[in-house]
Amino acid sequence: MATIIMDSAKLAVLDIRFPTLPVVELQRHQAIVNAIAWAPHSSCHICTAGDDLQALIWDLSSMGQPVEEGLDPVLACIAGAEIEQLQRSSSQPDLVAIAFVSKLQILRV
């Protein structure tokens, strides 16, 4: 499970068996995170989007290994404005939809 930390640029990934302690915190956004979506075909990939105009895709398969500087995203997209929402498609797992201002953009990942 993943959760957005209110009014923060951080995202916490939780193990639902022990929800009081984050497994990892994703900290590469520069502004508030607005949306998260797990990849429908993979339990290790999550997409996050926020007020910093970025949509970031993370590979969490290395979560169990120590990472000194924190986890880095594997892909990044810069939008034309603050990203308000994102969605993954179960029928098209290589597509991510992001919404900003009055626009919808479809990204192939």
PDB file of N, CA and C in Angstrom:
ATOM      1  N   MET A   1       0.852  -1.166   0.000  1.00  0.00           N
ATOM      2  CA  MET A   1       0.000   0.000   0.000  1.00  0.00           C
ATOM      3  C   MET A   1       0.903   1.236   0.000  1.00  0.00           C
ATOM      4  N   ALA A   2       0.461   2.285  -0.673  1.00  0.00           N
ATOM      5  CA  ALA A   2       1.194   3.546  -0.674  1.00  0.00           C
ATOM      6  C   ALA A   2       0.238   4.657  -0.258  1.00  0.00           C
ATOM      7  N   THR A   3       0.791   5.665   0.393  1.00  0.00           N
ATOM      8  CA  THR A   3      -0.035   6.780   0.832  1.00  0.00           C
ATOM      9  C   THR A   3       0.730   8.085   0.662  1.00  0.00           C
ATOM     10  N   ILE A   4      -0.006   9.122   0.350  1.00  0.00           N
ATOM     11  CA  ILE A   4       0.566  10.454   0.226  1.00  0.00           C
ATOM     12  C   ILE A   4       0.611  11.067   1.620  1.00  0.00           C
ATOM     13  N   ILE A   5       1.731  11.671   1.958  1.00  0.00           N
ATOM     14  CA  ILE A   5       1.846  12.375   3.235  1.00  0.00           C
ATOM     15  C   ILE A   5       1.277  13.772   3.025  1.00  0.00           C
ATOM     16  N   MET A   6       0.255  14.132   3.782  1.00  0.00           N
ATOM     17  CA  MET A   6      -0.484  15.374   3.574  1.00  0.00           C
ATOM     18  C   MET A   6       0.424  16.597   3.492  1.00  0.00           C
ATOM     19  N   ASP A   7       0.189  17.425   2.462  1.00  0.00           N
ATOM     20  CA  ASP A   7       0.937  18.661   2.251  1.00  0.00           C
ATOM     21  C   ASP A   7       2.441  18.425   2.222  1.00  0.00           C
ATOM     22  N   SER A   8       2.853  17.324   1.591  1.00  0.00           N
ATOM     23  CA  SER A   8       4.260  16.959   1.566  1.00  0.00           C
ATOM     24  C   SER A   8       4.677  16.499   0.182  1.00  0.00           C
ATOM     25  N   ALA A   9       5.971  16.562  -0.070  1.00  0.00           N
ATOM     26  CA  ALA A   9       6.535  16.048  -1.316  1.00  0.00           C
ATOM     27  C   ALA A   9       6.946  14.586  -1.158  1.00  0.00           C
ATOM     28  N   LYS A  10       6.619  13.980  -0.019  1.00  0.00           N
ATOM     29  CA  LYS A  10       6.985  12.588   0.250  1.00  0.00           C
ATOM     30  C   LYS A  10       5.800  11.657   0.036  1.00  0.00           C
ATOM     31  N   LEU A  11       6.144  10.420  -0.259  1.00  0.00           N
ATOM     32  CA  LEU A  11       5.161   9.362  -0.392  1.00  0.00           C
ATOM     33  C   LEU A  11       5.655   8.185   0.432  1.00  0.00           C
ATOM     34  N   ALA A  12       4.816   7.593   1.233  1.00  0.00           N
ATOM     35  CA  ALA A  12       5.211   6.456   2.066  1.00  0.00           C
ATOM     36  C   ALA A  12       4.615   5.170   1.503  1.00  0.00           C
ATOM     37  N   VAL A  13       5.458   4.151   1.358  1.00  0.00           N
ATOM     38  CA  VAL A  13       5.009   2.819   0.951  1.00  0.00           C
ATOM     39  C   VAL A  13       4.958   1.984   2.219  1.00  0.00           C
ATOM     40  N   LEU A  14       3.793   1.391   2.471  1.00  0.00           N
ATOM     41  CA  LEU A  14       3.561   0.640   3.709  1.00  0.00           C
ATOM     42  C   LEU A  14       3.352  -0.834   3.419  1.00  0.00           C
ATOM     43  N   ASP A  15       3.779  -1.661   4.340  1.00  0.00           N
ATOM     44  CA  ASP A  15       3.437  -3.076   4.348  1.00  0.00           C
ATOM     45  C   ASP A  15       2.169  -3.170   5.186  1.00  0.00           C
ATOM     46  N   ILE A  16       1.062  -3.609   4.604  1.00  0.00           N
ATOM     47  CA  ILE A  16      -0.208  -3.586   5.335  1.00  0.00           C
ATOM     48  C   ILE A  16      -0.213  -4.500   6.561  1.00  0.00           C
ATOM     49  N   ARG A  17       0.753  -5.401   6.640  1.00  0.00           N
ATOM     50  CA  ARG A  17       0.864  -6.230   7.846  1.00  0.00           C
ATOM     51  C   ARG A  17       1.434  -5.432   9.015  1.00  0.00           C
ATOM     52  N   PHE A  18       2.225  -4.365   8.702  1.00  0.00           N
ATOM     53  CA  PHE A  18       2.837  -3.497   9.708  1.00  0.00           C
ATOM     54  C   PHE A  18       2.693  -2.042   9.255  1.00  0.00           C
ATOM     55  N   PRO A  19       1.485  -1.493   9.262  1.00  0.00           N
ATOM     56  CA  PRO A  19       1.241  -0.181   8.654  1.00  0.00           C
ATOM     57  C   PRO A  19       1.790   1.016   9.432  1.00  0.00           C
ATOM     58  N   THR A  20       2.346   0.807  10.598  1.00  0.00           N
ATOM     59  CA  THR A  20       2.840   1.945  11.385  1.00  0.00           C
ATOM     60  C   THR A  20       4.248   2.373  10.982  1.00  0.00           C
ATOM     61  N   LEU A  21       4.958   1.532  10.232  1.00  0.00           N
ATOM     62  CA  LEU A  21       6.332   1.834   9.837  1.00  0.00           C
ATOM     63  C   LEU A  21       6.471   1.752   8.323  1.00  0.00           C
ATOM     64  N   PRO A  22       6.820   2.864   7.656  1.00  0.00           N
ATOM     65  CA  PRO A  22       6.984   2.824   6.197  1.00  0.00           C
ATOM     66  C   PRO A  22       8.107   1.874   5.775  1.00  0.00           C
ATOM     67  N   VAL A  23       7.871   1.133   4.706  1.00  0.00           N
ATOM     68  CA  VAL A  23       8.906   0.283   4.128  1.00  0.00           C
ATOM     69  C   VAL A  23       9.935   1.168   3.436  1.00  0.00           C
ATOM     70  N   VAL A  24       9.442   2.196   2.743  1.00  0.00           N
ATOM     71  CA  VAL A  24      10.309   3.167   2.073  1.00  0.00           C
ATOM     72  C   VAL A  24       9.539   4.473   1.921  1.00  0.00           C
ATOM     73  N   GLU A  25      10.257   5.583   1.911  1.00  0.00           N
ATOM     74  CA  GLU A  25       9.667   6.882   1.593  1.00  0.00           C
ATOM     75  C   GLU A  25      10.272   7.361   0.289  1.00  0.00           C
ATOM     76  N   LEU A  26       9.426   7.719  -0.651  1.00  0.00           N
ATOM     77  CA  LEU A  26       9.874   8.230  -1.949  1.00  0.00           C
ATOM     78  C   LEU A  26       9.931   9.748  -1.833  1.00  0.00           C
ATOM     79  N   GLN A  27      11.118  10.317  -2.095  1.00  0.00           N
ATOM     80  CA  GLN A  27      11.340  11.719  -1.760  1.00  0.00           C
ATOM     81  C   GLN A  27      11.957  12.529  -2.897  1.00  0.00           C
ATOM     82  N   ARG A  28      11.625  12.268  -4.135  1.00  0.00           N
ATOM     83  CA  ARG A  28      12.242  13.006  -5.235  1.00  0.00           C
ATOM     84  C   ARG A  28      11.356  14.107  -5.821  1.00  0.00           C
ATOM     85  N   HIS A  29      10.119  14.221  -5.346  1.00  0.00           N
ATOM     86  CA  HIS A  29       9.284  15.336  -5.795  1.00  0.00           C
ATOM     87  C   HIS A  29       9.756  16.608  -5.104  1.00  0.00           C
ATOM     88  N   GLN A  30       9.593  17.743  -5.770  1.00  0.00           N
ATOM     89  CA  GLN A  30      10.013  19.033  -5.231  1.00  0.00           C
ATOM     90  C   GLN A  30       8.838  19.835  -4.672  1.00  0.00           C
ATOM     91  N   ALA A  31       7.638  19.298  -4.814  1.00  0.00           N
ATOM     92  CA  ALA A  31       6.429  19.962  -4.316  1.00  0.00           C
ATOM     93  C   ALA A  31       5.432  18.878  -3.914  1.00  0.00           C
ATOM     94  N   ILE A  32       4.265  19.294  -3.473  1.00  0.00           N
ATOM     95  CA  ILE A  32       3.242  18.372  -2.965  1.00  0.00           C
ATOM     96  C   ILE A  32       2.873  17.311  -4.004  1.00  0.00           C
ATOM     97  N   VAL A  33       2.765  16.067  -3.537  1.00  0.00           N
ATOM     98  CA  VAL A  33       2.334  14.951  -4.380  1.00  0.00           C
ATOM     99  C   VAL A  33       0.805  14.929  -4.375  1.00  0.00           C
ATOM    100  N   ASN A  34       0.206  14.852  -5.572  1.00  0.00           N
ATOM    101  CA  ASN A  34      -1.254  14.877  -5.703  1.00  0.00           C
ATOM    102  C   ASN A  34      -1.879  13.527  -6.027  1.00  0.00           C
ATOM    103  N   ALA A  35      -1.115  12.634  -6.670  1.00  0.00           N
ATOM    104  CA  ALA A  35      -1.728  11.392  -7.145  1.00  0.00           C
ATOM    105  C   ALA A  35      -0.708  10.264  -7.183  1.00  0.00           C
ATOM    106  N   ILE A  36      -1.210   9.044  -6.961  1.00  0.00           N
ATOM    107  CA  ILE A  36      -0.393   7.837  -7.063  1.00  0.00           C
ATOM    108  C   ILE A  36      -1.209   6.760  -7.760  1.00  0.00           C
ATOM    109  N   ALA A  37      -0.519   5.872  -8.461  1.00  0.00           N
ATOM    110  CA  ALA A  37      -1.196   4.735  -9.100  1.00  0.00           C
ATOM    111  C   ALA A  37      -0.202   3.596  -9.257  1.00  0.00           C
ATOM    112  N   TRP A  38      -0.583   2.419  -8.781  1.00  0.00           N
ATOM    113  CA  TRP A  38       0.247   1.226  -8.971  1.00  0.00           C
ATOM    114  C   TRP A  38       0.099   0.736 -10.399  1.00  0.00           C
ATOM    115  N   ALA A  39       1.137   0.147 -10.942  1.00  0.00           N
ATOM    116  CA  ALA A  39       1.064  -0.479 -12.266  1.00  0.00           C
ATOM    117  C   ALA A  39       0.149  -1.697 -12.157  1.00  0.00           C
ATOM    118  N   PRO A  40      -0.776  -1.858 -13.100  1.00  0.00           N
ATOM    119  CA  PRO A  40      -1.713  -2.982 -13.001  1.00  0.00           C
ATOM    120  C   PRO A  40      -1.061  -4.338 -13.241  1.00  0.00           C
ATOM    121  N   HIS A  41       0.105  -4.362 -13.855  1.00  0.00           N
ATOM    122  CA  HIS A  41       0.773  -5.613 -14.207  1.00  0.00           C
ATOM    123  C   HIS A  41       1.967  -5.939 -13.318  1.00  0.00           C
ATOM    124  N   SER A  42       2.279  -5.061 -12.368  1.00  0.00           N
ATOM    125  CA  SER A  42       3.475  -5.253 -11.554  1.00  0.00           C
ATOM    126  C   SER A  42       3.247  -4.729 -10.139  1.00  0.00           C
ATOM    127  N   SER A  43       3.639  -5.505  -9.160  1.00  0.00           N
ATOM    128  CA  SER A  43       3.515  -5.060  -7.774  1.00  0.00           C
ATOM    129  C   SER A  43       4.717  -4.209  -7.351  1.00  0.00           C
ATOM    130  N   CYS A  44       5.669  -4.005  -8.240  1.00  0.00           N
ATOM    131  CA  CYS A  44       6.893  -3.265  -7.908  1.00  0.00           C
ATOM    132  C   CYS A  44       6.966  -1.888  -8.554  1.00  0.00           C
ATOM    133  N   HIS A  45       5.975  -1.518  -9.349  1.00  0.00           N
ATOM    134  CA  HIS A  45       6.041  -0.242 -10.059  1.00  0.00           C
ATOM    135  C   HIS A  45       4.868   0.661  -9.669  1.00  0.00           C
ATOM    136  N   ILE A  46       5.220   1.901  -9.331  1.00  0.00           N
ATOM    137  CA  ILE A  46       4.222   2.889  -8.931  1.00  0.00           C
ATOM    138  C   ILE A  46       4.539   4.198  -9.647  1.00  0.00           C
ATOM    139  N   CYS A  47       3.502   4.935  -9.984  1.00  0.00           N
ATOM    140  CA  CYS A  47       3.658   6.245 -10.610  1.00  0.00           C
ATOM    141  C   CYS A  47       3.128   7.289  -9.636  1.00  0.00           C
ATOM    142  N   THR A  48       3.857   8.396  -9.500  1.00  0.00           N
ATOM    143  CA  THR A  48       3.447   9.496  -8.633  1.00  0.00           C
ATOM    144  C   THR A  48       3.449  10.783  -9.442  1.00  0.00           C
ATOM    145  N   ALA A  49       2.606  11.722  -9.067  1.00  0.00           N
ATOM    146  CA  ALA A  49       2.536  12.996  -9.784  1.00  0.00           C
ATOM    147  C   ALA A  49       2.229  14.107  -8.801  1.00  0.00           C
ATOM    148  N   GLY A  50       2.704  15.326  -9.140  1.00  0.00           N
ATOM    149  CA  GLY A  50       2.488  16.393  -8.185  1.00  0.00           C
ATOM    150  C   GLY A  50       2.582  17.798  -8.728  1.00  0.00           C
ATOM    151  N   ASP A  51       2.616  18.730  -7.780  1.00  0.00           N
ATOM    152  CA  ASP A  51       2.654  20.154  -8.092  1.00  0.00           C
ATOM    153  C   ASP A  51       3.977  20.601  -8.710  1.00  0.00           C
ATOM    154  N   ASP A  52       4.994  19.753  -8.691  1.00  0.00           N
ATOM    155  CA  ASP A  52       6.285  20.102  -9.291  1.00  0.00           C
ATOM    156  C   ASP A  52       6.319  19.815 -10.795  1.00  0.00           C
ATOM    157  N   LEU A  53       5.145  19.553 -11.395  1.00  0.00           N
ATOM    158  CA  LEU A  53       4.971  19.289 -12.829  1.00  0.00           C
ATOM    159  C   LEU A  53       5.495  17.918 -13.249  1.00  0.00           C
ATOM    160  N   GLN A  54       5.889  17.090 -12.308  1.00  0.00           N
ATOM    161  CA  GLN A  54       6.511  15.812 -12.639  1.00  0.00           C
ATOM    162  C   GLN A  54       5.582  14.626 -12.422  1.00  0.00           C
ATOM    163  N   ALA A  55       5.676  13.670 -13.350  1.00  0.00           N
ATOM    164  CA  ALA A  55       5.129  12.330 -13.163  1.00  0.00           C
ATOM    165  C   ALA A  55       6.351  11.417 -13.086  1.00  0.00           C
ATOM    166  N   LEU A  56       6.494  10.712 -11.975  1.00  0.00           N
ATOM    167  CA  LEU A  56       7.661   9.867 -11.751  1.00  0.00           C
ATOM    168  C   LEU A  56       7.240   8.415 -11.639  1.00  0.00           C
ATOM    169  N   ILE A  57       7.977   7.521 -12.282  1.00  0.00           N
ATOM    170  CA  ILE A  57       7.720   6.091 -12.173  1.00  0.00           C
ATOM    171  C   ILE A  57       8.867   5.479 -11.381  1.00  0.00           C
ATOM    172  N   TRP A  58       8.488   4.703 -10.388  1.00  0.00           N
ATOM    173  CA  TRP A  58       9.429   4.110  -9.444  1.00  0.00           C
ATOM    174  C   TRP A  58       9.422   2.599  -9.577  1.00  0.00           C
ATOM    175  N   ASP A  59      10.592   1.984  -9.476  1.00  0.00           N
ATOM    176  CA  ASP A  59      10.732   0.531  -9.419  1.00  0.00           C
ATOM    177  C   ASP A  59      11.084   0.184  -7.978  1.00  0.00           C
ATOM    178  N   LEU A  60      10.161  -0.444  -7.282  1.00  0.00           N
ATOM    179  CA  LEU A  60      10.345  -0.745  -5.866  1.00  0.00           C
ATOM    180  C   LEU A  60      10.919  -2.137  -5.625  1.00  0.00           C
ATOM    181  N   SER A  61      11.357  -2.809  -6.678  1.00  0.00           N
ATOM    182  CA  SER A  61      11.874  -4.169  -6.506  1.00  0.00           C
ATOM    183  C   SER A  61      13.150  -4.208  -5.673  1.00  0.00           C
ATOM    184  N   SER A  62      13.854  -3.079  -5.553  1.00  0.00           N
ATOM    185  CA  SER A  62      15.085  -3.040  -4.759  1.00  0.00           C
ATOM    186  C   SER A  62      14.837  -2.511  -3.343  1.00  0.00           C
ATOM    187  N   MET A  63      13.582  -2.446  -2.911  1.00  0.00           N
ATOM    188  CA  MET A  63      13.250  -1.897  -1.591  1.00  0.00           C
ATOM    189  C   MET A  63      13.931  -2.617  -0.450  1.00  0.00           C
ATOM    190  N   GLY A  64      14.127  -3.913  -0.539  1.00  0.00           N
ATOM    191  CA  GLY A  64      14.715  -4.663   0.561  1.00  0.00           C
ATOM    192  C   GLY A  64      16.207  -4.433   0.724  1.00  0.00           C
ATOM    193  N   GLN A  65      16.851  -3.801  -0.277  1.00  0.00           N
ATOM    194  CA  GLN A  65      18.286  -3.554  -0.219  1.00  0.00           C
ATOM    195  C   GLN A  65      18.531  -2.130   0.274  1.00  0.00           C
ATOM    196  N   PRO A  66      19.584  -1.917   1.047  1.00  0.00           N
ATOM    197  CA  PRO A  66      19.863  -0.561   1.539  1.00  0.00           C
ATOM    198  C   PRO A  66      20.235   0.387   0.399  1.00  0.00           C
ATOM    199  N   VAL A  67      19.649   1.579   0.410  1.00  0.00           N
ATOM    200  CA  VAL A  67      19.934   2.605  -0.589  1.00  0.00           C
ATOM    201  C   VAL A  67      20.343   3.857   0.172  1.00  0.00           C
ATOM    202  N   GLU A  68      21.608   4.253   0.048  1.00  0.00           N
ATOM    203  CA  GLU A  68      22.147   5.353   0.853  1.00  0.00           C
ATOM    204  C   GLU A  68      21.476   6.693   0.573  1.00  0.00           C
ATOM    205  N   GLU A  69      21.332   7.054  -0.667  1.00  0.00           N
ATOM    206  CA  GLU A  69      20.807   8.369  -1.041  1.00  0.00           C
ATOM    207  C   GLU A  69      19.294   8.353  -1.265  1.00  0.00           C
ATOM    208  N   GLY A  70      18.639   7.255  -0.994  1.00  0.00           N
ATOM    209  CA  GLY A  70      17.210   7.139  -1.265  1.00  0.00           C
ATOM    210  C   GLY A  70      16.986   6.562  -2.646  1.00  0.00           C
ATOM    211  N   LEU A  71      15.785   6.156  -2.900  1.00  0.00           N
ATOM    212  CA  LEU A  71      15.414   5.534  -4.166  1.00  0.00           C
ATOM    213  C   LEU A  71      15.181   6.600  -5.220  1.00  0.00           C
ATOM    214  N   ASP A  72      15.703   6.389  -6.419  1.00  0.00           N
ATOM    215  CA  ASP A  72      15.481   7.305  -7.535  1.00  0.00           C
ATOM    216  C   ASP A  72      14.421   6.733  -8.470  1.00  0.00           C
ATOM    217  N   PRO A  73      13.632   7.602  -9.108  1.00  0.00           N
ATOM    218  CA  PRO A  73      12.658   7.110 -10.083  1.00  0.00           C
ATOM    219  C   PRO A  73      13.368   6.567 -11.321  1.00  0.00           C
ATOM    220  N   VAL A  74      12.720   5.634 -12.004  1.00  0.00           N
ATOM    221  CA  VAL A  74      13.310   5.064 -13.224  1.00  0.00           C
ATOM    222  C   VAL A  74      12.907   5.855 -14.460  1.00  0.00           C
ATOM    223  N   LEU A  75      11.788   6.563 -14.404  1.00  0.00           N
ATOM    224  CA  LEU A  75      11.330   7.415 -15.502  1.00  0.00           C
ATOM    225  C   LEU A  75      10.726   8.693 -14.939  1.00  0.00           C
ATOM    226  N   ALA A  76      10.831   9.769 -15.718  1.00  0.00           N
ATOM    227  CA  ALA A  76      10.239  11.041 -15.309  1.00  0.00           C
ATOM    228  C   ALA A  76       9.662  11.740 -16.529  1.00  0.00           C
ATOM    229  N   CYS A  77       8.551  12.412 -16.319  1.00  0.00           N
ATOM    230  CA  CYS A  77       7.925  13.212 -17.363  1.00  0.00           C
ATOM    231  C   CYS A  77       7.601  14.577 -16.762  1.00  0.00           C
ATOM    232  N   ILE A  78       7.887  15.633 -17.513  1.00  0.00           N
ATOM    233  CA  ILE A  78       7.568  16.985 -17.072  1.00  0.00           C
ATOM    234  C   ILE A  78       6.338  17.456 -17.847  1.00  0.00           C
ATOM    235  N   ALA A  79       5.311  17.853 -17.122  1.00  0.00           N
ATOM    236  CA  ALA A  79       4.068  18.338 -17.740  1.00  0.00           C
ATOM    237  C   ALA A  79       4.121  19.854 -17.891  1.00  0.00           C
ATOM    238  N   GLY A  80       3.104  20.418 -18.512  1.00  0.00           N
ATOM    239  CA  GLY A  80       3.030  21.852 -18.723  1.00  0.00           C
ATOM    240  C   GLY A  80       2.513  22.632 -17.535  1.00  0.00           C
ATOM    241  N   ALA A  81       2.056  21.935 -16.504  1.00  0.00           N
ATOM    242  CA  ALA A  81       1.511  22.582 -15.300  1.00  0.00           C
ATOM    243  C   ALA A  81       1.469  21.538 -14.186  1.00  0.00           C
ATOM    244  N   GLU A  82       1.000  21.957 -13.015  1.00  0.00           N
ATOM    245  CA  GLU A  82       0.877  21.039 -11.890  1.00  0.00           C
ATOM    246  C   GLU A  82      -0.038  19.873 -12.271  1.00  0.00           C
ATOM    247  N   ILE A  83       0.420  18.659 -12.034  1.00  0.00           N
ATOM    248  CA  ILE A  83      -0.366  17.470 -12.368  1.00  0.00           C
ATOM    249  C   ILE A  83      -1.357  17.221 -11.241  1.00  0.00           C
ATOM    250  N   GLU A  84      -2.636  17.210 -11.593  1.00  0.00           N
ATOM    251  CA  GLU A  84      -3.696  17.068 -10.598  1.00  0.00           C
ATOM    252  C   GLU A  84      -4.140  15.629 -10.398  1.00  0.00           C
ATOM    253  N   GLN A  85      -4.005  14.795 -11.442  1.00  0.00           N
ATOM    254  CA  GLN A  85      -4.502  13.423 -11.365  1.00  0.00           C
ATOM    255  C   GLN A  85      -3.736  12.548 -12.346  1.00  0.00           C
ATOM    256  N   LEU A  86      -3.680  11.259 -12.045  1.00  0.00           N
ATOM    257  CA  LEU A  86      -3.114  10.297 -12.986  1.00  0.00           C
ATOM    258  C   LEU A  86      -3.888   9.002 -12.892  1.00  0.00           C
ATOM    259  N   GLN A  87      -3.798   8.211 -13.941  1.00  0.00           N
ATOM    260  CA  GLN A  87      -4.526   6.941 -13.981  1.00  0.00           C
ATOM    261  C   GLN A  87      -3.736   5.940 -14.809  1.00  0.00           C
ATOM    262  N   ARG A  88      -3.712   4.687 -14.366  1.00  0.00           N
ATOM    263  CA  ARG A  88      -3.113   3.586 -15.123  1.00  0.00           C
ATOM    264  C   ARG A  88      -4.252   2.750 -15.696  1.00  0.00           C
ATOM    265  N   SER A  89      -4.012   2.129 -16.837  1.00  0.00           N
ATOM    266  CA  SER A  89      -5.019   1.304 -17.493  1.00  0.00           C
ATOM    267  C   SER A  89      -4.665  -0.170 -17.344  1.00  0.00           C
ATOM    268  N   SER A  90      -5.625  -0.969 -16.897  1.00  0.00           N
ATOM    269  CA  SER A  90      -5.367  -2.409 -16.783  1.00  0.00           C
ATOM    270  C   SER A  90      -5.353  -3.084 -18.151  1.00  0.00           C
ATOM    271  N   SER A  91      -6.055  -2.518 -19.130  1.00  0.00           N
ATOM    272  CA  SER A  91      -6.055  -3.109 -20.463  1.00  0.00           C
ATOM    273  C   SER A  91      -4.875  -2.643 -21.318  1.00  0.00           C
ATOM    274  N   GLN A  92      -4.290  -1.509 -20.959  1.00  0.00           N
ATOM    275  CA  GLN A  92      -3.102  -0.974 -21.658  1.00  0.00           C
ATOM    276  C   GLN A  92      -2.052  -0.623 -20.603  1.00  0.00           C
ATOM    277  N   PRO A  93      -1.351  -1.626 -20.032  1.00  0.00           N
ATOM    278  CA  PRO A  93      -0.466  -1.366 -18.890  1.00  0.00           C
ATOM    279  C   PRO A  93       0.740  -0.483 -19.197  1.00  0.00           C
ATOM    280  N   ASP A  94       1.036  -0.252 -20.477  1.00  0.00           N
ATOM    281  CA  ASP A  94       2.167   0.615 -20.811  1.00  0.00           C
ATOM    282  C   ASP A  94       1.757   2.078 -20.972  1.00  0.00           C
ATOM    283  N   LEU A  95       0.505   2.410 -20.638  1.00  0.00           N
ATOM    284  CA  LEU A  95       0.030   3.786 -20.751  1.00  0.00           C
ATOM    285  C   LEU A  95      -0.292   4.370 -19.375  1.00  0.00           C
ATOM    286  N   VAL A  96       0.038   5.664 -19.228  1.00  0.00           N
ATOM    287  CA  VAL A  96      -0.303   6.417 -18.028  1.00  0.00           C
ATOM    288  C   VAL A  96      -0.981   7.701 -18.493  1.00  0.00           C
ATOM    289  N   ALA A  97      -2.128   8.027 -17.927  1.00  0.00           N
ATOM    290  CA  ALA A  97      -2.823   9.278 -18.250  1.00  0.00           C
ATOM    291  C   ALA A  97      -2.571  10.266 -17.121  1.00  0.00           C
ATOM    292  N   ILE A  98      -2.166  11.493 -17.506  1.00  0.00           N
ATOM    293  CA  ILE A  98      -1.998  12.553 -16.509  1.00  0.00           C
ATOM    294  C   ILE A  98      -2.907  13.723 -16.889  1.00  0.00           C
ATOM    295  N   ALA A  99      -3.454  14.378 -15.884  1.00  0.00           N
ATOM    296  CA  ALA A  99      -4.349  15.525 -16.106  1.00  0.00           C
ATOM    297  C   ALA A  99      -3.748  16.752 -15.438  1.00  0.00           C
ATOM    298  N   PHE A 100      -3.706  17.850 -16.201  1.00  0.00           N
ATOM    299  CA  PHE A 100      -3.235  19.128 -15.670  1.00  0.00           C
ATOM    300  C   PHE A 100      -3.963  20.248 -16.386  1.00  0.00           C
ATOM    301  N   VAL A 101      -4.287  21.311 -15.662  1.00  0.00           N
ATOM    302  CA  VAL A 101      -5.111  22.430 -16.126  1.00  0.00           C
ATOM    303  C   VAL A 101      -6.369  21.832 -16.749  1.00  0.00           C
ATOM    304  N   SER A 102      -6.613  22.037 -18.019  1.00  0.00           N
ATOM    305  CA  SER A 102      -7.784  21.443 -18.684  1.00  0.00           C
ATOM    306  C   SER A 102      -7.327  20.449 -19.748  1.00  0.00           C
ATOM    307  N   LYS A 103      -6.174  19.829 -19.535  1.00  0.00           N
ATOM    308  CA  LYS A 103      -5.599  18.916 -20.520  1.00  0.00           C
ATOM    309  C   LYS A 103      -5.457  17.515 -19.954  1.00  0.00           C
ATOM    310  N   LEU A 104      -5.511  16.553 -20.863  1.00  0.00           N
ATOM    311  CA  LEU A 104      -5.248  15.171 -20.542  1.00  0.00           C
ATOM    312  C   LEU A 104      -4.127  14.721 -21.473  1.00  0.00           C
ATOM    313  N   GLN A 105      -3.077  14.122 -20.920  1.00  0.00           N
ATOM    314  CA  GLN A 105      -1.962  13.662 -21.726  1.00  0.00           C
ATOM    315  C   GLN A 105      -1.773  12.186 -21.462  1.00  0.00           C
ATOM    316  N   ILE A 106      -1.605  11.415 -22.529  1.00  0.00           N
ATOM    317  CA  ILE A 106      -1.371   9.984 -22.426  1.00  0.00           C
ATOM    318  C   ILE A 106       0.112   9.722 -22.654  1.00  0.00           C
ATOM    319  N   LEU A 107       0.746   9.047 -21.706  1.00  0.00           N
ATOM    320  CA  LEU A 107       2.177   8.756 -21.784  1.00  0.00           C
ATOM    321  C   LEU A 107       2.390   7.275 -21.989  1.00  0.00           C
ATOM    322  N   ARG A 108       3.301   6.916 -22.869  1.00  0.00           N
ATOM    323  CA  ARG A 108       3.697   5.516 -23.029  1.00  0.00           C
ATOM    324  C   ARG A 108       4.954   5.291 -22.195  1.00  0.00           C
ATOM    325  N   VAL A 109       4.893   4.313 -21.307  1.00  0.00           N
ATOM    326  CA  VAL A 109       6.036   4.058 -20.420  1.00  0.00           C
ATOM    327  C   VAL A 109       6.627   2.686 -20.665  1.00  0.00           C
TER     328      VAL A 109
END
